Amino acid sequence: MNKGFLDWFHSASADVVCLQEIKAYPEQVDPAAVQVDGFHTVFNPAKKPGYSGVAVYSKPPPRSVHLGMGIERFDSEGRIIRLEFDEFDLLNVYFPNGTSGDDRLKFKLEFYDAFLDHCQALRAQGKKLVITGDVNTAHKPIDLKNPKANEKNSGFLPEERAWIDTLFTHGYVDTFRLLHPDEPEQYTWWSYRFNARSKNIGWRIDYFFVTEDLVPRIKDSFISPEVMGSDHCPIGLEIKAG
């Protein structure tokens, strides 16, 4: 809020804005950012104060809203909001970080598997899905500045990257790489250390995935590294109305 969030929000002219790692309850935030005129707002904070959490601002009113995926140990961390629209369901997800030790890496991988099962159950109901958020894993060497140096670090481990491969084999598409298959140095997160952002020493760990049935409607999938205020930058997806 102190770094121009609302100015960016209005200039983006988006139909839906998804935030991850909000680290706050709605009552802790400036009311001007909790309820923005013309938008339906949903917060899903973690039970633990100052931790995790997601929020969605939607100009088109959703038919219904769902928090979590029905598994308490994951849902207590406020990591998922699903909005049902007429033409697709949108899932805003803050995937766990695995860098703080083996227990959290195990938690992250179990969350990955449970989330894919959850999405597959939705697809079995005939749902088309748009999935966005901080996945906390770079998929291919092109998706981070120093792949060799990070092969043994969480965020680029073989088992983390393999889950994204599995996602694709189940019929999900990385929209940015669909449109920009070979474009290097396209990152969404930079460490606060070592002037990483000014040197563009980054990682692409934020994604828009869609089910294959939505691919014909994709107009653009983009990254906005010029937007400051966070160690991540915004990403966007533009799709045609059905």
C-alpha atoms as a PDB file:
ATOM      1  CA  MET A   1       0.000   0.000   0.000  1.00  0.00           C
ATOM      2  CA  ASN A   2       2.889   2.328   0.747  1.00  0.00           C
ATOM      3  CA  LYS A   3       4.530   1.495  -2.578  1.00  0.00           C
ATOM      4  CA  GLY A   4       1.755   2.493  -4.971  1.00  0.00           C
ATOM      5  CA  PHE A   5      -0.388  -0.638  -5.001  1.00  0.00           C
ATOM      6  CA  LEU A   6      -3.670   1.158  -5.661  1.00  0.00           C
ATOM      7  CA  ASP A   7      -2.136   3.351  -8.366  1.00  0.00           C
ATOM      8  CA  TRP A   8      -0.934   0.211 -10.138  1.00  0.00           C
ATOM      9  CA  PHE A   9      -4.242  -1.565  -9.499  1.00  0.00           C
ATOM     10  CA  HIS A  10      -6.261   1.131 -11.258  1.00  0.00           C
ATOM     11  CA  SER A  11      -3.760   1.599 -14.092  1.00  0.00           C
ATOM     12  CA  ALA A  12      -3.795  -2.155 -14.831  1.00  0.00           C
ATOM     13  CA  SER A  13      -7.508  -2.016 -15.723  1.00  0.00           C
ATOM     14  CA  ALA A  14      -7.783  -5.744 -15.039  1.00  0.00           C
ATOM     15  CA  ASP A  15     -11.032  -7.663 -14.740  1.00  0.00           C
ATOM     16  CA  VAL A  16      -9.528  -9.846 -12.002  1.00  0.00           C
ATOM     17  CA  VAL A  17      -6.480  -9.265  -9.777  1.00  0.00           C
ATOM     18  CA  CYS A  18      -5.008 -12.117  -7.729  1.00  0.00           C
ATOM     19  CA  LEU A  19      -2.588 -11.579  -4.854  1.00  0.00           C
ATOM     20  CA  GLN A  20      -0.456 -14.156  -3.062  1.00  0.00           C
ATOM     21  CA  GLU A  21       1.401 -13.986   0.256  1.00  0.00           C
ATOM     22  CA  ILE A  22      -0.719 -11.149   1.578  1.00  0.00           C
ATOM     23  CA  LYS A  23       0.425 -11.855   5.170  1.00  0.00           C
ATOM     24  CA  ALA A  24      -2.524  -9.969   6.640  1.00  0.00           C
ATOM     25  CA  TYR A  25      -6.112 -10.191   7.796  1.00  0.00           C
ATOM     26  CA  PRO A  26      -8.492  -7.778   6.017  1.00  0.00           C
ATOM     27  CA  GLU A  27      -8.956  -5.745   9.193  1.00  0.00           C
ATOM     28  CA  GLN A  28      -5.211  -5.022   9.254  1.00  0.00           C
ATOM     29  CA  VAL A  29      -5.231  -3.467   5.789  1.00  0.00           C
ATOM     30  CA  ASP A  30      -6.201   0.032   4.678  1.00  0.00           C
ATOM     31  CA  PRO A  31      -9.941  -0.188   3.904  1.00  0.00           C
ATOM     32  CA  ALA A  32      -9.270   1.444   0.523  1.00  0.00           C
ATOM     33  CA  ALA A  33      -7.423  -1.720  -0.501  1.00  0.00           C
ATOM     34  CA  VAL A  34      -9.857  -4.176   1.044  1.00  0.00           C
ATOM     35  CA  GLN A  35     -12.958  -3.034  -0.804  1.00  0.00           C
ATOM     36  CA  VAL A  36     -12.229  -1.345  -4.128  1.00  0.00           C
ATOM     37  CA  ASP A  37     -15.211   0.245  -5.874  1.00  0.00           C
ATOM     38  CA  GLY A  38     -16.587  -1.969  -8.606  1.00  0.00           C
ATOM     39  CA  PHE A  39     -14.818  -5.138  -7.425  1.00  0.00           C
ATOM     40  CA  HIS A  40     -15.939  -8.222  -5.553  1.00  0.00           C
ATOM     41  CA  THR A  41     -13.191  -8.927  -2.981  1.00  0.00           C
ATOM     42  CA  VAL A  42     -12.259 -12.213  -1.302  1.00  0.00           C
ATOM     43  CA  PHE A  43      -9.500 -12.667   1.288  1.00  0.00           C
ATOM     44  CA  ASN A  44      -8.258 -16.041   2.480  1.00  0.00           C
ATOM     45  CA  PRO A  45      -5.615 -15.304   5.136  1.00  0.00           C
ATOM     46  CA  ALA A  46      -3.668 -17.979   6.959  1.00  0.00           C
ATOM     47  CA  LYS A  47      -4.669 -18.797  10.524  1.00  0.00           C
ATOM     48  CA  LYS A  48      -1.113 -17.917  11.562  1.00  0.00           C
ATOM     49  CA  PRO A  49      -0.771 -14.105  11.741  1.00  0.00           C
ATOM     50  CA  GLY A  50       1.577 -12.421   9.295  1.00  0.00           C
ATOM     51  CA  TYR A  51       1.947 -15.506   7.117  1.00  0.00           C
ATOM     52  CA  SER A  52       0.943 -16.692   3.647  1.00  0.00           C
ATOM     53  CA  GLY A  53      -2.604 -15.854   2.510  1.00  0.00           C
ATOM     54  CA  VAL A  54      -4.251 -14.977  -0.822  1.00  0.00           C
ATOM     55  CA  ALA A  55      -6.794 -12.439  -2.051  1.00  0.00           C
ATOM     56  CA  VAL A  56      -8.815 -11.889  -5.237  1.00  0.00           C
ATOM     57  CA  TYR A  57     -10.445  -8.759  -6.652  1.00  0.00           C
ATOM     58  CA  SER A  58     -12.985  -9.519  -9.367  1.00  0.00           C
ATOM     59  CA  LYS A  59     -14.965  -7.057 -11.479  1.00  0.00           C
ATOM     60  CA  PRO A  60     -17.306  -9.755 -12.849  1.00  0.00           C
ATOM     61  CA  PRO A  61     -19.132 -11.230  -9.855  1.00  0.00           C
ATOM     62  CA  PRO A  62     -18.326 -14.920  -9.402  1.00  0.00           C
ATOM     63  CA  ARG A  63     -21.169 -17.431  -9.258  1.00  0.00           C
ATOM     64  CA  SER A  64     -19.596 -18.846  -6.113  1.00  0.00           C
ATOM     65  CA  VAL A  65     -16.368 -18.743  -4.087  1.00  0.00           C
ATOM     66  CA  HIS A  66     -14.463 -21.618  -2.468  1.00  0.00           C
ATOM     67  CA  LEU A  67     -11.590 -21.360   0.003  1.00  0.00           C
ATOM     68  CA  GLY A  68      -8.997 -24.143   0.138  1.00  0.00           C
ATOM     69  CA  MET A  69      -9.355 -27.673  -1.166  1.00  0.00           C
ATOM     70  CA  GLY A  70     -10.804 -29.510   1.812  1.00  0.00           C
ATOM     71  CA  ILE A  71      -7.551 -30.579   3.471  1.00  0.00           C
ATOM     72  CA  GLU A  72      -7.120 -28.785   6.785  1.00  0.00           C
ATOM     73  CA  ARG A  73      -3.328 -28.865   7.074  1.00  0.00           C
ATOM     74  CA  PHE A  74      -3.080 -27.093   3.739  1.00  0.00           C
ATOM     75  CA  ASP A  75      -6.177 -24.939   4.041  1.00  0.00           C
ATOM     76  CA  SER A  76      -5.128 -23.495   7.415  1.00  0.00           C
ATOM     77  CA  GLU A  77      -2.323 -21.704   5.589  1.00  0.00           C
ATOM     78  CA  GLY A  78      -4.718 -19.732   3.375  1.00  0.00           C
ATOM     79  CA  ARG A  79      -3.277 -20.824   0.057  1.00  0.00           C
ATOM     80  CA  ILE A  80      -6.216 -21.173  -2.359  1.00  0.00           C
ATOM     81  CA  ILE A  81      -9.224 -19.194  -3.525  1.00  0.00           C
ATOM     82  CA  ARG A  82     -11.391 -20.630  -6.305  1.00  0.00           C
ATOM     83  CA  LEU A  83     -13.909 -18.446  -8.107  1.00  0.00           C
ATOM     84  CA  GLU A  84     -16.551 -20.026 -10.329  1.00  0.00           C
ATOM     85  CA  PHE A  85     -17.441 -18.039 -13.430  1.00  0.00           C
ATOM     86  CA  ASP A  86     -19.770 -19.040 -16.244  1.00  0.00           C
ATOM     87  CA  GLU A  87     -16.950 -19.945 -18.632  1.00  0.00           C
ATOM     88  CA  PHE A  88     -14.219 -21.295 -16.319  1.00  0.00           C
ATOM     89  CA  ASP A  89     -13.083 -21.597 -12.718  1.00  0.00           C
ATOM     90  CA  LEU A  90     -10.179 -19.432 -11.586  1.00  0.00           C
ATOM     91  CA  LEU A  91      -7.822 -20.738  -8.910  1.00  0.00           C
ATOM     92  CA  ASN A  92      -5.521 -18.259  -7.184  1.00  0.00           C
ATOM     93  CA  VAL A  93      -2.821 -20.267  -5.395  1.00  0.00           C
ATOM     94  CA  TYR A  94       0.176 -19.517  -3.201  1.00  0.00           C
ATOM     95  CA  PHE A  95       2.143 -22.763  -3.357  1.00  0.00           C
ATOM     96  CA  PRO A  96       4.396 -23.574  -0.380  1.00  0.00           C
ATOM     97  CA  ASN A  97       8.073 -22.669  -0.289  1.00  0.00           C
ATOM     98  CA  GLY A  98      10.446 -25.570   0.325  1.00  0.00           C
ATOM     99  CA  THR A  99      13.608 -23.677   1.209  1.00  0.00           C
ATOM    100  CA  SER A 100      13.353 -23.779   5.003  1.00  0.00           C
ATOM    101  CA  GLY A 101      14.122 -27.474   5.482  1.00  0.00           C
ATOM    102  CA  ASP A 102      13.197 -31.046   4.617  1.00  0.00           C
ATOM    103  CA  ASP A 103       9.849 -30.901   6.424  1.00  0.00           C
ATOM    104  CA  ARG A 104       8.656 -27.950   4.391  1.00  0.00           C
ATOM    105  CA  LEU A 105       9.945 -29.452   1.159  1.00  0.00           C
ATOM    106  CA  LYS A 106       7.922 -32.593   1.943  1.00  0.00           C
ATOM    107  CA  PHE A 107       4.892 -30.399   2.718  1.00  0.00           C
ATOM    108  CA  LYS A 108       5.375 -28.554  -0.586  1.00  0.00           C
ATOM    109  CA  LEU A 109       5.520 -31.744  -2.642  1.00  0.00           C
ATOM    110  CA  GLU A 110       2.482 -33.183  -0.857  1.00  0.00           C
ATOM    111  CA  PHE A 111       0.608 -29.933  -1.508  1.00  0.00           C
ATOM    112  CA  TYR A 112       1.549 -30.182  -5.197  1.00  0.00           C
ATOM    113  CA  ASP A 113       0.129 -33.699  -5.462  1.00  0.00           C
ATOM    114  CA  ALA A 114      -3.030 -32.877  -3.515  1.00  0.00           C
ATOM    115  CA  PHE A 115      -3.615 -29.781  -5.626  1.00  0.00           C
ATOM    116  CA  LEU A 116      -3.358 -31.701  -8.896  1.00  0.00           C
ATOM    117  CA  ASP A 117      -5.821 -34.278  -7.540  1.00  0.00           C
ATOM    118  CA  HIS A 118      -8.146 -31.406  -6.592  1.00  0.00           C
ATOM    119  CA  CYS A 119      -7.931 -29.918 -10.083  1.00  0.00           C
ATOM    120  CA  GLN A 120      -8.512 -33.279 -11.713  1.00  0.00           C
ATOM    121  CA  ALA A 121     -11.646 -33.740  -9.608  1.00  0.00           C
ATOM    122  CA  LEU A 122     -12.896 -30.359 -10.829  1.00  0.00           C
ATOM    123  CA  ARG A 123     -12.178 -31.308 -14.429  1.00  0.00           C
ATOM    124  CA  ALA A 124     -14.117 -34.542 -13.939  1.00  0.00           C
ATOM    125  CA  GLN A 125     -17.093 -32.264 -13.215  1.00  0.00           C
ATOM    126  CA  GLY A 126     -16.574 -30.633 -16.625  1.00  0.00           C
ATOM    127  CA  LYS A 127     -14.716 -27.572 -15.347  1.00  0.00           C
ATOM    128  CA  LYS A 128     -12.344 -25.514 -17.465  1.00  0.00           C
ATOM    129  CA  LEU A 129      -9.582 -24.125 -15.249  1.00  0.00           C
ATOM    130  CA  VAL A 130      -7.364 -21.067 -15.094  1.00  0.00           C
ATOM    131  CA  ILE A 131      -4.689 -21.479 -12.408  1.00  0.00           C
ATOM    132  CA  THR A 132      -2.452 -18.619 -11.337  1.00  0.00           C
ATOM    133  CA  GLY A 133      -0.029 -17.899  -8.553  1.00  0.00           C
ATOM    134  CA  ASP A 134       3.405 -18.238  -7.064  1.00  0.00           C
ATOM    135  CA  VAL A 135       4.380 -21.857  -7.741  1.00  0.00           C
ATOM    136  CA  ASN A 136       7.786 -21.411  -6.067  1.00  0.00           C
ATOM    137  CA  THR A 137       9.500 -23.545  -8.733  1.00  0.00           C
ATOM    138  CA  ALA A 138      11.249 -22.626 -11.967  1.00  0.00           C
ATOM    139  CA  HIS A 139      10.486 -25.247 -14.586  1.00  0.00           C
ATOM    140  CA  LYS A 140      13.350 -25.229 -17.099  1.00  0.00           C
ATOM    141  CA  PRO A 141      16.914 -23.844 -17.172  1.00  0.00           C
ATOM    142  CA  ILE A 142      15.624 -20.960 -19.298  1.00  0.00           C
ATOM    143  CA  ASP A 143      13.424 -19.939 -16.348  1.00  0.00           C
ATOM    144  CA  LEU A 144      16.211 -18.818 -14.006  1.00  0.00           C
ATOM    145  CA  LYS A 145      19.485 -16.979 -14.364  1.00  0.00           C
ATOM    146  CA  ASN A 146      21.790 -19.545 -12.748  1.00  0.00           C
ATOM    147  CA  PRO A 147      20.333 -23.030 -13.297  1.00  0.00           C
ATOM    148  CA  LYS A 148      23.520 -25.012 -12.691  1.00  0.00           C
ATOM    149  CA  ALA A 149      24.210 -23.308  -9.359  1.00  0.00           C
ATOM    150  CA  ASN A 150      20.642 -24.011  -8.171  1.00  0.00           C
ATOM    151  CA  GLU A 151      20.167 -27.666  -9.137  1.00  0.00           C
ATOM    152  CA  LYS A 152      20.324 -28.722  -5.474  1.00  0.00           C
ATOM    153  CA  ASN A 153      18.256 -25.840  -4.125  1.00  0.00           C
ATOM    154  CA  SER A 154      14.515 -25.914  -3.498  1.00  0.00           C
ATOM    155  CA  GLY A 155      12.788 -24.090  -6.292  1.00  0.00           C
ATOM    156  CA  PHE A 156      14.782 -25.943  -8.943  1.00  0.00           C
ATOM    157  CA  LEU A 157      15.034 -29.468  -7.577  1.00  0.00           C
ATOM    158  CA  PRO A 158      14.352 -32.338 -10.019  1.00  0.00           C
ATOM    159  CA  GLU A 159      11.346 -33.533  -8.014  1.00  0.00           C
ATOM    160  CA  GLU A 160       9.808 -30.040  -7.956  1.00  0.00           C
ATOM    161  CA  ARG A 161      10.337 -29.544 -11.668  1.00  0.00           C
ATOM    162  CA  ALA A 162       8.982 -33.031 -12.378  1.00  0.00           C
ATOM    163  CA  TRP A 163       5.652 -32.039 -10.850  1.00  0.00           C
ATOM    164  CA  ILE A 164       5.272 -29.311 -13.468  1.00  0.00           C
ATOM    165  CA  ASP A 165       6.019 -31.929 -16.130  1.00  0.00           C
ATOM    166  CA  THR A 166       3.277 -34.083 -14.600  1.00  0.00           C
ATOM    167  CA  LEU A 167       0.898 -31.129 -14.675  1.00  0.00           C
ATOM    168  CA  PHE A 168       1.497 -30.774 -18.403  1.00  0.00           C
ATOM    169  CA  THR A 169       0.963 -34.479 -19.078  1.00  0.00           C
ATOM    170  CA  HIS A 170      -2.468 -34.084 -17.457  1.00  0.00           C
ATOM    171  CA  GLY A 171      -3.478 -31.458 -20.012  1.00  0.00           C
ATOM    172  CA  TYR A 172      -2.446 -28.140 -18.461  1.00  0.00           C
ATOM    173  CA  VAL A 173      -0.537 -25.481 -20.392  1.00  0.00           C
ATOM    174  CA  ASP A 174       2.004 -22.857 -19.293  1.00  0.00           C
ATOM    175  CA  THR A 175       0.523 -19.887 -21.143  1.00  0.00           C
ATOM    176  CA  PHE A 176       3.659 -17.752 -21.092  1.00  0.00           C
ATOM    177  CA  ARG A 177       5.840 -20.453 -22.651  1.00  0.00           C
ATOM    178  CA  LEU A 178       3.077 -21.264 -25.129  1.00  0.00           C
ATOM    179  CA  LEU A 179       3.459 -17.761 -26.558  1.00  0.00           C
ATOM    180  CA  HIS A 180       7.142 -17.169 -25.749  1.00  0.00           C
ATOM    181  CA  PRO A 181       8.721 -20.630 -26.004  1.00  0.00           C
ATOM    182  CA  ASP A 182      12.374 -19.595 -26.304  1.00  0.00           C
ATOM    183  CA  GLU A 183      12.481 -16.113 -24.813  1.00  0.00           C
ATOM    184  CA  PRO A 184      15.281 -15.977 -22.208  1.00  0.00           C
ATOM    185  CA  GLU A 185      15.711 -13.806 -19.108  1.00  0.00           C
ATOM    186  CA  GLN A 186      11.973 -13.539 -18.435  1.00  0.00           C
ATOM    187  CA  TYR A 187      11.700 -13.600 -14.663  1.00  0.00           C
ATOM    188  CA  THR A 188       9.031 -12.855 -12.064  1.00  0.00           C
ATOM    189  CA  TRP A 189      11.035 -12.946  -8.803  1.00  0.00           C
ATOM    190  CA  TRP A 190      14.373 -11.535  -7.720  1.00  0.00           C
ATOM    191  CA  SER A 191      16.195 -11.832  -4.421  1.00  0.00           C
ATOM    192  CA  TYR A 192      16.464  -8.624  -2.415  1.00  0.00           C
ATOM    193  CA  ARG A 193      20.176  -9.391  -2.035  1.00  0.00           C
ATOM    194  CA  PHE A 194      23.121  -8.591  -4.307  1.00  0.00           C
ATOM    195  CA  ASN A 195      21.174  -6.042  -6.412  1.00  0.00           C
ATOM    196  CA  ALA A 196      19.636  -9.052  -8.132  1.00  0.00           C
ATOM    197  CA  ARG A 197      16.765  -7.158  -9.704  1.00  0.00           C
ATOM    198  CA  SER A 198      18.852  -4.393 -11.249  1.00  0.00           C
ATOM    199  CA  LYS A 199      21.107  -7.108 -12.710  1.00  0.00           C
ATOM    200  CA  ASN A 200      18.072  -9.224 -13.714  1.00  0.00           C
ATOM    201  CA  ILE A 201      19.348 -12.235 -11.780  1.00  0.00           C
ATOM    202  CA  GLY A 202      15.930 -13.760 -11.347  1.00  0.00           C
ATOM    203  CA  TRP A 203      13.579 -16.736 -11.505  1.00  0.00           C
ATOM    204  CA  ARG A 204      10.275 -17.296 -13.317  1.00  0.00           C
ATOM    205  CA  ILE A 205       8.230 -18.938 -10.575  1.00  0.00           C
ATOM    206  CA  ASP A 206       4.819 -17.283 -11.128  1.00  0.00           C
ATOM    207  CA  TYR A 207       2.527 -18.767 -13.765  1.00  0.00           C
ATOM    208  CA  PHE A 208      -0.794 -18.787 -15.522  1.00  0.00           C
ATOM    209  CA  PHE A 209      -1.716 -22.374 -16.348  1.00  0.00           C
ATOM    210  CA  VAL A 210      -4.898 -23.223 -18.241  1.00  0.00           C
ATOM    211  CA  THR A 211      -6.565 -26.457 -19.244  1.00  0.00           C
ATOM    212  CA  GLU A 212      -6.062 -27.281 -22.920  1.00  0.00           C
ATOM    213  CA  ASP A 213      -9.678 -26.484 -23.765  1.00  0.00           C
ATOM    214  CA  LEU A 214      -9.004 -22.794 -23.043  1.00  0.00           C
ATOM    215  CA  VAL A 215      -5.895 -22.492 -25.242  1.00  0.00           C
ATOM    216  CA  PRO A 216      -7.811 -21.235 -28.334  1.00  0.00           C
ATOM    217  CA  ARG A 217      -9.012 -18.284 -26.272  1.00  0.00           C
ATOM    218  CA  ILE A 218      -5.595 -17.058 -25.106  1.00  0.00           C
ATOM    219  CA  LYS A 219      -4.761 -13.608 -26.499  1.00  0.00           C
ATOM    220  CA  ASP A 220      -1.712 -12.758 -24.395  1.00  0.00           C
ATOM    221  CA  SER A 221       0.322 -13.971 -21.426  1.00  0.00           C
ATOM    222  CA  PHE A 222       2.855 -11.487 -20.148  1.00  0.00           C
ATOM    223  CA  ILE A 223       5.265 -10.439 -17.400  1.00  0.00           C
ATOM    224  CA  SER A 224       5.547  -6.836 -16.132  1.00  0.00           C
ATOM    225  CA  PRO A 225       9.033  -6.504 -14.587  1.00  0.00           C
ATOM    226  CA  GLU A 226       8.835  -2.711 -14.655  1.00  0.00           C
ATOM    227  CA  VAL A 227       6.277  -2.754 -11.812  1.00  0.00           C
ATOM    228  CA  MET A 228       8.123  -2.359  -8.519  1.00  0.00           C
ATOM    229  CA  GLY A 229       7.011  -2.665  -4.894  1.00  0.00           C
ATOM    230  CA  SER A 230       7.646  -6.363  -4.259  1.00  0.00           C
ATOM    231  CA  ASP A 231      10.330  -8.972  -4.817  1.00  0.00           C
ATOM    232  CA  HIS A 232       7.880 -10.398  -7.390  1.00  0.00           C
ATOM    233  CA  CYS A 233       6.431  -8.527 -10.355  1.00  0.00           C
ATOM    234  CA  PRO A 234       2.925  -8.891 -11.787  1.00  0.00           C
ATOM    235  CA  ILE A 235       2.099 -11.370 -14.514  1.00  0.00           C
ATOM    236  CA  GLY A 236      -0.991 -11.225 -16.687  1.00  0.00           C
ATOM    237  CA  LEU A 237      -3.267 -13.314 -18.861  1.00  0.00           C
ATOM    238  CA  GLU A 238      -5.669 -12.000 -21.470  1.00  0.00           C
ATOM    239  CA  ILE A 239      -8.319 -14.369 -22.801  1.00  0.00           C
ATOM    240  CA  LYS A 240     -11.172 -13.880 -25.231  1.00  0.00           C
ATOM    241  CA  ALA A 241     -14.701 -14.006 -23.976  1.00  0.00           C
ATOM    242  CA  GLY A 242     -16.465 -17.220 -24.907  1.00  0.00           C
END
